Amino acid sequence: MSRLEECFAALRARGEKGLIPYLTAGDPSLEFTARLVEGVAASGADIVELGIPFSDPLMDGPVIQASAQRALQARTTPAEVLALVAQLRPRVEVGLVLMTCYNLVFRYGLERFAAEAQEAGVDGILVTDLPPEEAGEWEPVARAQGLDTIYLVAPTSTPERLRLIAEHATGFIYCVSRRGVTGVRKRLPPDLTAMLARIRAQTDKPIAVGFGISTPEHVRQVVAWADAAVVGSALVQRLAAGGDPEEQLRGLSEFVRELKEATLPKRVEMQID
């Protein structure tokens, strides 16, 4: 059983749901990212998703695009992100997932990337532009190293694609809550519950919902139906505001504590419009 599978099994045993914060590695620096990961882990995060910055974003909204640009200006490379995970792994017990695009993995070398990710302590990898139909080379390489392969499902996914993704995904399935790109939103989309029901009809694997999950109330509503909530832009936006680093770290950790509180066994009906 992988670390991600163990995480969701432990959450089920406790009757709670998961919180997955997203951070762009290297924004504003790799050193500060390490402190942020430790801070959010101590504040209740169950899994941390680290984005490897890339110059040509595929599904990122303006907040995370700007974050990636700041990380690139700080000269953050995939190799340095793997070194960051290796630094963090002895210090945190949470699952660590990398979000990246296939170009970076391909240029690095599939076997080399997977081997170094496993050695560093990465638990799973989400390659945002690699659907299971095109992952014939990547999947066996990743799984040979014990890396979970996480796939995206979207509101436009057909029942056939949902079945295919459910068959190939390990660790968890990432449900994109809405059409478009990432970003802070005021409301959850009205068809989210129906979408989650369609996914659940195809699999009993854990489902994490992201895109637009911005507040503790959003998290509370989402986990009434899903197994975890992914919060990215709302966290990254706080970093972009600047200010004293220690205050930023305290503020972000407190926000994560509030988000995690919303995953505990106090359920509410999902309220959407």
Foldseek 3Di string as FASTA:
>chain_A
DFLLVVLLVVCVVQQWFAEEEEDEQQVQHNVLVLLLVLLLLVLGHQEYEYEDQDQDDDFADPLVNVRSVNSVVNVGAPVVVLVSLLVNVVPGSHAYEYEEAVVNCVVCPLLVSLQSNLVSPHAEYEHAPAQPVRCPPNQVSNVVSNYFYEYEDEPPDDLVSLLVRQVRGPSAYEYEQHPGHADADDFGDPCRLVVLVSSVVRHPGFYEYEGRQAALLSQQQVLLRGRYYYDYSNLSVLSVVDDDSVVNSVVSSVRSSSNSVSRRNPHDHRDGD
